[in-house]
Every structure is written in structure tokens, then in C-alpha cells.
Protein backbone atom coordinates (compact mmCIF):
# COMPACT_ATOMS: atom_id res chain seq x y z
CA UNK A 1 0.00 0.00 0.00
CA UNK A 2 1.24 3.47 -0.87
CA UNK A 3 0.50 6.31 1.53
CA UNK A 4 0.41 9.95 0.46
CA UNK A 5 2.41 12.21 2.77
CA UNK A 6 2.87 15.96 2.95
CA UNK A 7 5.99 17.91 3.73
CA UNK A 8 9.60 17.27 4.47
CA UNK A 9 8.96 16.76 8.19
CA UNK A 10 6.57 13.87 7.54
CA UNK A 11 8.94 12.36 4.97
CA UNK A 12 11.83 12.58 7.42
CA UNK A 13 9.74 10.75 10.05
CA UNK A 14 8.90 7.93 7.63
CA UNK A 15 12.53 7.57 6.55
CA UNK A 16 13.80 7.68 10.13
CA UNK A 17 11.33 5.05 11.37
CA UNK A 18 11.70 2.47 8.58
CA UNK A 19 14.66 0.52 7.20
CA UNK A 20 13.72 0.66 3.50
CA UNK A 21 11.59 3.44 1.98
CA UNK A 22 10.56 4.13 -1.61
CA UNK A 23 9.36 7.69 -2.28
CA UNK A 24 7.38 8.45 -5.43
CA UNK A 25 7.56 12.20 -6.15
CA UNK A 26 4.80 13.03 -8.62
CA UNK A 27 2.11 15.51 -9.67
CA UNK A 28 -1.46 14.87 -10.87
CA UNK A 29 -0.90 16.67 -14.20
CA UNK A 30 2.18 14.57 -15.08
CA UNK A 31 1.46 11.80 -17.61
CA UNK A 32 4.57 9.72 -16.89
CA UNK A 33 3.78 10.04 -13.15
CA UNK A 34 0.32 8.57 -13.72
CA UNK A 35 1.92 5.73 -15.70
CA UNK A 36 4.47 5.03 -12.96
CA UNK A 37 1.91 5.12 -10.12
CA UNK A 38 0.45 1.62 -10.73
CA UNK A 39 3.96 0.20 -11.14
CA UNK A 40 4.99 1.66 -7.76
CA UNK A 41 1.76 0.30 -6.19
CA UNK A 42 2.51 -3.20 -7.49
CA UNK A 43 6.09 -3.14 -6.23
CA UNK A 44 4.91 -1.78 -2.86
CA UNK A 45 2.29 -4.52 -2.52
CA UNK A 46 4.71 -7.33 -3.36
CA UNK A 47 7.96 -6.29 -1.66
CA UNK A 48 8.30 -7.36 1.93
CA UNK A 49 9.84 -4.82 4.31
CA UNK A 50 9.41 -1.89 1.90
CA UNK A 51 7.51 1.21 3.03
CA UNK A 52 6.27 3.22 0.05
CA UNK A 53 4.99 6.80 0.08
CA UNK A 54 3.92 9.37 -2.52
CA UNK A 55 4.73 13.08 -2.34
CA UNK A 56 2.81 15.54 -4.55
CA UNK A 57 5.48 17.92 -5.83
CA UNK A 58 2.94 20.73 -6.38
CA UNK A 59 2.21 20.78 -2.66
CA UNK A 60 5.68 20.02 -1.29
CA UNK A 61 8.34 22.43 -2.57
CA UNK A 62 10.46 21.65 0.49
CA UNK A 63 10.94 18.04 -0.62
CA UNK A 64 11.98 19.11 -4.13
CA UNK A 65 14.44 21.62 -2.72
CA UNK A 66 15.98 19.19 -0.22
CA UNK A 67 16.58 16.45 -2.79
CA UNK A 68 17.32 18.60 -5.85
CA UNK A 69 14.28 17.38 -7.76
CA UNK A 70 13.95 19.25 -11.05
CA UNK A 71 11.82 16.78 -13.03
CA UNK A 72 9.16 14.20 -12.27
CA UNK A 73 8.41 11.44 -11.74
CA UNK A 74 11.33 10.98 -9.38
CA UNK A 75 11.83 7.91 -7.23
CA UNK A 76 13.95 8.12 -4.09
CA UNK A 77 15.09 5.01 -2.26
CA UNK A 78 16.27 5.21 1.35
CA UNK A 79 17.99 2.41 3.20
CA UNK A 80 18.65 2.82 6.92
CA UNK A 81 17.96 6.58 6.80
CA UNK A 82 20.32 7.16 3.84
CA UNK A 83 19.41 8.05 0.25
CA UNK A 84 20.81 5.16 -1.81
CA UNK A 85 19.06 5.54 -5.18
CA UNK A 86 17.38 8.30 -7.20
CA UNK A 87 15.86 7.99 -10.65
CA UNK A 88 13.99 10.44 -12.86
CA UNK A 89 11.36 9.57 -15.45
CA UNK A 90 9.21 6.53 -16.09
CA UNK A 91 10.91 3.18 -15.55
CA UNK A 92 9.44 -0.33 -15.89
CA UNK A 93 8.60 -2.56 -12.96
CA UNK A 94 11.81 -4.60 -13.22
CA UNK A 95 13.90 -1.43 -12.85
CA UNK A 96 11.85 -0.27 -9.84
CA UNK A 97 12.40 -3.67 -8.22
CA UNK A 98 16.12 -3.38 -8.93
CA UNK A 99 16.21 0.05 -7.27
CA UNK A 100 14.68 -1.21 -4.03
CA UNK A 101 16.75 -4.41 -3.67
């Protein structure tokens, strides 16, 4: 299950309290974001130990600023409170799974 969160403070809490976190940074007007959403949902539902959240870029400038996000969709992967992967643009399910290994 993918939970929508708001703001850098909430994102920091999620990252701090979980070992492995996948963050989908998106916007409702973004076509590639809407294509990637179901892929992220599927990976989230079938990957044990992975916490997955979505952050709407239009409502969360602080997240974009903190992580240097200039284009969407962007996926961020955190492992033990550290950013370990970042990808921009649509990627297929196999690549998403590879990112979160």
C-alpha cells in the first residue's frame, strides 16, 4: 500500500522510522507520473519490508528543494535513513524492483 504524505517533516519521520523506503515524487498533471503510479503500487504490494509513500510535488516544494528534484516522476530510495538511489522519469517494474533491492 502506498500512503500519500505531505511535507519534508513527515517524509523525514517515515525515513527515520523504517529501514527501507521508496518515495514516489509526482504531480497529478504529469502523464509519466500517472503511468508510474500503478507500477509503484505493485512493487509496494509485493515487496516485503518496503515502506512506500507518494509526495505531490505541487504541494511540497520543500521536498523538491531538499533532494534537488527538477523533473518528475522521481523515485527516491532510502535504506537505513540514507538516500541510496534516485531515478527520474518513467521506468518499468523490473527497474523499480532493482532500485529497491
